[in-house]
C-alpha atoms as a PDB file:
ATOM      1  CA  MET A   1      -0.360  -0.255   0.013  1.00  0.00           C
ATOM      2  CA  ARG A   2       0.931   3.253  -0.862  1.00  0.00           C
ATOM      3  CA  THR A   3       0.497   6.543   0.924  1.00  0.00           C
ATOM      4  CA  VAL A   4       0.228  10.374  -0.858  1.00  0.00           C
ATOM      5  CA  ILE A   5       0.460  13.134   1.648  1.00  0.00           C
ATOM      6  CA  ILE A   6      -0.227  16.527   0.362  1.00  0.00           C
ATOM      7  CA  ARG A   7      -0.454  19.945   2.270  1.00  0.00           C
ATOM      8  CA  VAL A   8      -3.279  22.356   1.390  1.00  0.00           C
ATOM      9  CA  PRO A   9      -3.359  25.694   2.586  1.00  0.00           C
ATOM     10  CA  ASP A  10      -6.393  25.454   5.005  1.00  0.00           C
ATOM     11  CA  GLU A  11      -8.020  28.745   3.016  1.00  0.00           C
ATOM     12  CA  ASP A  12      -8.033  26.018   0.002  1.00  0.00           C
ATOM     13  CA  PHE A  13      -8.811  23.100   1.942  1.00  0.00           C
ATOM     14  CA  SER A  14     -12.567  22.769   0.503  1.00  0.00           C
ATOM     15  CA  SER A  15     -12.179  23.423  -2.963  1.00  0.00           C
ATOM     16  CA  ALA A  16      -8.884  20.926  -3.132  1.00  0.00           C
ATOM     17  CA  ILE A  17     -10.618  18.188  -1.447  1.00  0.00           C
ATOM     18  CA  ALA A  18     -13.402  18.883  -4.308  1.00  0.00           C
ATOM     19  CA  THR A  19     -11.082  18.876  -7.147  1.00  0.00           C
ATOM     20  CA  MET A  20      -9.141  16.137  -5.678  1.00  0.00           C
ATOM     21  CA  ARG A  21     -12.691  13.931  -5.521  1.00  0.00           C
ATOM     22  CA  ASP A  22     -13.332  14.949  -8.899  1.00  0.00           C
ATOM     23  CA  TRP A  23     -10.154  13.783 -10.330  1.00  0.00           C
ATOM     24  CA  LEU A  24     -10.020  10.439  -9.022  1.00  0.00           C
ATOM     25  CA  GLU A  25     -13.894  10.199  -9.995  1.00  0.00           C
ATOM     26  CA  LYS A  26     -12.216  10.768 -13.434  1.00  0.00           C
ATOM     27  CA  HIS A  27      -9.771   8.320 -13.106  1.00  0.00           C
ATOM     28  CA  ARG A  28     -12.337   5.926 -11.527  1.00  0.00           C
ATOM     29  CA  TYR A  29      -9.217   5.481  -8.607  1.00  0.00           C
ATOM     30  CA  GLU A  30     -10.756   4.421  -5.425  1.00  0.00           C
ATOM     31  CA  PRO A  31      -8.363   5.059  -2.617  1.00  0.00           C
ATOM     32  CA  VAL A  32      -8.534   2.633   0.734  1.00  0.00           C
ATOM     33  CA  VAL A  33      -8.030   4.970   3.257  1.00  0.00           C
ATOM     34  CA  TYR A  34      -8.328   9.300   3.078  1.00  0.00           C
ATOM     35  CA  ARG A  35      -7.026  11.112   6.658  1.00  0.00           C
ATOM     36  CA  TYR A  36      -6.582  14.518   7.361  1.00  0.00           C
ATOM     37  CA  HIS A  37      -5.056  16.723   9.710  1.00  0.00           C
ATOM     38  CA  GLN A  38      -4.110  20.000  10.515  1.00  0.00           C
ATOM     39  CA  GLU A  39      -0.546  21.428  11.233  1.00  0.00           C
ATOM     40  CA  ASP A  40      -0.993  25.627  11.810  1.00  0.00           C
ATOM     41  CA  ASP A  41      -2.302  26.836   8.626  1.00  0.00           C
ATOM     42  CA  THR A  42      -1.949  23.915   6.604  1.00  0.00           C
ATOM     43  CA  ILE A  43      -4.112  20.903   6.460  1.00  0.00           C
ATOM     44  CA  VAL A  44      -2.153  17.659   5.728  1.00  0.00           C
ATOM     45  CA  VAL A  45      -4.126  15.181   3.558  1.00  0.00           C
ATOM     46  CA  SER A  46      -3.148  11.635   3.163  1.00  0.00           C
ATOM     47  CA  VAL A  47      -4.096   9.244   1.170  1.00  0.00           C
ATOM     48  CA  ASP A  48      -4.309   5.791   1.031  1.00  0.00           C
ATOM     49  CA  PHE A  49      -3.833   3.643  -2.630  1.00  0.00           C
ATOM     50  CA  GLY A  50      -3.800  -0.673  -3.297  1.00  0.00           C
ATOM     51  CA  VAL A  51      -2.117  -0.387  -6.900  1.00  0.00           C
ATOM     52  CA  ASP A  52       1.104   1.919  -6.774  1.00  0.00           C
ATOM     53  CA  THR A  53       0.293   3.694 -10.376  1.00  0.00           C
ATOM     54  CA  GLN A  54      -2.636   5.363  -9.147  1.00  0.00           C
ATOM     55  CA  ALA A  55      -0.669   6.522  -6.067  1.00  0.00           C
ATOM     56  CA  GLU A  56       2.101   7.898  -8.492  1.00  0.00           C
ATOM     57  CA  ALA A  57      -0.645   9.451 -10.854  1.00  0.00           C
ATOM     58  CA  PHE A  58      -2.354  10.940  -7.724  1.00  0.00           C
ATOM     59  CA  ALA A  59       0.669  12.319  -6.411  1.00  0.00           C
ATOM     60  CA  LYS A  60       1.748  13.502  -9.852  1.00  0.00           C
ATOM     61  CA  ARG A  61      -1.588  15.468 -10.200  1.00  0.00           C
ATOM     62  CA  PHE A  62      -1.174  17.206  -6.648  1.00  0.00           C
ATOM     63  CA  GLY A  63       2.168  17.708  -6.211  1.00  0.00           C
ATOM     64  CA  GLY A  64       1.905  14.836  -3.491  1.00  0.00           C
ATOM     65  CA  GLN A  65       4.691  12.957  -1.574  1.00  0.00           C
ATOM     66  CA  ILE A  66       4.640   8.964  -1.904  1.00  0.00           C
ATOM     67  CA  SER A  67       5.456   7.145   1.456  1.00  0.00           C
ATOM     68  CA  GLY A  68       5.420   3.756   2.220  1.00  0.00           C
END
């Protein structure tokens, strides 16, 4: 399993999540788990994928880092 970590300014969080969801639906990617938490004025979004190529594409599209 691969986790993509994306940092989003808190004021952009709702639009960023909507954009991510639309992109995932368009590509028919199904993440295993979404999580998020706040660090100061940034929301850290963690998305787990069971398919490595999906994690890589998602990270590339949204400027995320892959762990795991």
